[in-house]
Amino acid sequence: MNCDVFDTYVTRQNGQQMHFDIIVTSGTAQEMAMAFGQKYLAAVGVSGGSITAERCRFCHVEQATPEMQQAIEQKGYFILAMEGCPPVAAK
């Protein structure tokens, strides 16, 4: 499965920068990827952070790993947390 990768940066209220990739099915609109990113921010408890088109850009297409594919099939997206990202809160 090919997927689109959106390179994303968000500045938290404390000034710390988060860097993560939003990975979605190829052909997904940028607005939908940004909405998935907002869901991720809510899941990690980051309030006040917003994703803008200038800081969430299509980067490249890649082959999904099994973990990515499973998440995309279940939720519509996969997040690859890279820098300054808190862990997802347990439910």
Protein backbone atom coordinates (compact mmCIF):
# COMPACT_ATOMS: atom_id res chain seq x y z
CA MET A 1 0.00 0.00 0.00
CA ASN A 2 1.37 3.40 -0.97
CA CYS A 3 0.79 6.25 1.44
CA ASP A 4 1.31 10.01 1.45
CA VAL A 5 3.49 11.57 4.13
CA PHE A 6 2.77 15.06 5.46
CA ASP A 7 5.72 16.58 7.35
CA THR A 8 4.18 18.52 10.26
CA TYR A 9 5.38 21.00 12.89
CA VAL A 10 3.35 22.39 15.79
CA THR A 11 4.47 24.85 18.46
CA ARG A 12 3.00 23.96 21.85
CA GLN A 13 1.81 26.57 24.37
CA ASN A 14 5.06 26.16 26.32
CA GLY A 15 7.01 27.08 23.17
CA GLN A 16 8.32 23.55 22.56
CA GLN A 17 8.14 22.43 18.96
CA MET A 18 6.65 19.11 17.94
CA HIS A 19 7.68 17.40 14.71
CA PHE A 20 5.71 14.45 13.38
CA ASP A 21 4.59 12.89 10.12
CA ILE A 22 0.94 12.32 9.31
CA ILE A 23 0.77 9.24 7.07
CA VAL A 24 -2.41 8.64 5.09
CA THR A 25 -3.74 6.79 2.07
CA SER A 26 -2.33 8.19 -1.18
CA GLY A 27 -4.56 10.89 -2.60
CA THR A 28 -5.82 12.14 0.78
CA ALA A 29 -6.44 15.89 0.76
CA GLN A 30 -4.16 18.09 2.86
CA GLU A 31 -7.18 19.35 4.82
CA MET A 32 -8.04 15.77 5.85
CA ALA A 33 -4.44 15.09 6.88
CA MET A 34 -4.53 18.25 8.98
CA ALA A 35 -7.78 17.10 10.64
CA PHE A 36 -6.09 13.78 11.51
CA GLY A 37 -3.20 15.75 12.97
CA GLN A 38 -5.62 17.68 15.19
CA LYS A 39 -7.02 14.34 16.42
CA TYR A 40 -3.49 13.27 17.28
CA LEU A 41 -2.86 16.50 19.19
CA ALA A 42 -6.02 15.88 21.22
CA ALA A 43 -4.92 12.28 21.90
CA VAL A 44 -1.58 13.44 23.33
CA GLY A 45 -3.22 16.20 25.36
CA VAL A 46 -1.76 19.15 23.46
CA SER A 47 -4.23 21.98 23.80
CA GLY A 48 -3.77 25.24 22.00
CA GLY A 49 -1.66 23.66 19.27
CA SER A 50 -2.98 24.12 15.78
CA ILE A 51 -1.90 22.70 12.47
CA THR A 52 -1.63 25.14 9.59
CA ALA A 53 -1.16 24.51 5.88
CA GLU A 54 2.22 26.26 6.07
CA ARG A 55 3.46 23.81 8.72
CA CYS A 56 1.84 20.63 7.38
CA ARG A 57 3.14 19.90 3.91
CA PHE A 58 3.06 16.93 1.60
CA CYS A 59 6.56 15.47 1.68
CA HIS A 60 6.66 12.20 -0.26
CA VAL A 61 5.01 8.86 -1.04
CA GLU A 62 6.25 5.69 0.61
CA GLN A 63 5.33 2.07 1.06
CA ALA A 64 3.37 1.53 4.29
CA THR A 65 4.81 -0.78 6.91
CA PRO A 66 2.41 -3.36 8.39
CA GLU A 67 2.01 -1.13 11.48
CA MET A 68 1.19 1.91 9.33
CA GLN A 69 -1.24 -0.03 7.17
CA GLN A 70 -3.09 -1.41 10.20
CA ALA A 71 -3.48 2.07 11.73
CA ILE A 72 -4.60 3.58 8.40
CA GLU A 73 -7.19 0.82 7.97
CA GLN A 74 -8.48 1.33 11.54
CA LYS A 75 -8.30 5.13 11.98
CA GLY A 76 -7.54 6.55 8.54
CA TYR A 77 -4.04 7.72 9.51
CA PHE A 78 -0.75 6.85 11.21
CA ILE A 79 1.43 9.28 13.16
CA LEU A 80 5.19 8.95 13.18
CA ALA A 81 6.24 11.00 16.21
CA MET A 82 9.75 12.38 15.83
CA GLU A 83 10.65 15.36 18.02
CA GLY A 84 9.04 16.87 21.11
CA CYS A 85 5.97 14.64 20.94
CA PRO A 86 4.41 13.45 24.20
CA PRO A 87 3.17 9.84 24.36
CA VAL A 88 -0.44 9.10 23.49
CA ALA A 89 -2.52 8.98 26.67
CA ALA A 90 -3.70 5.49 27.65
CA LYS A 91 -7.42 4.92 27.50
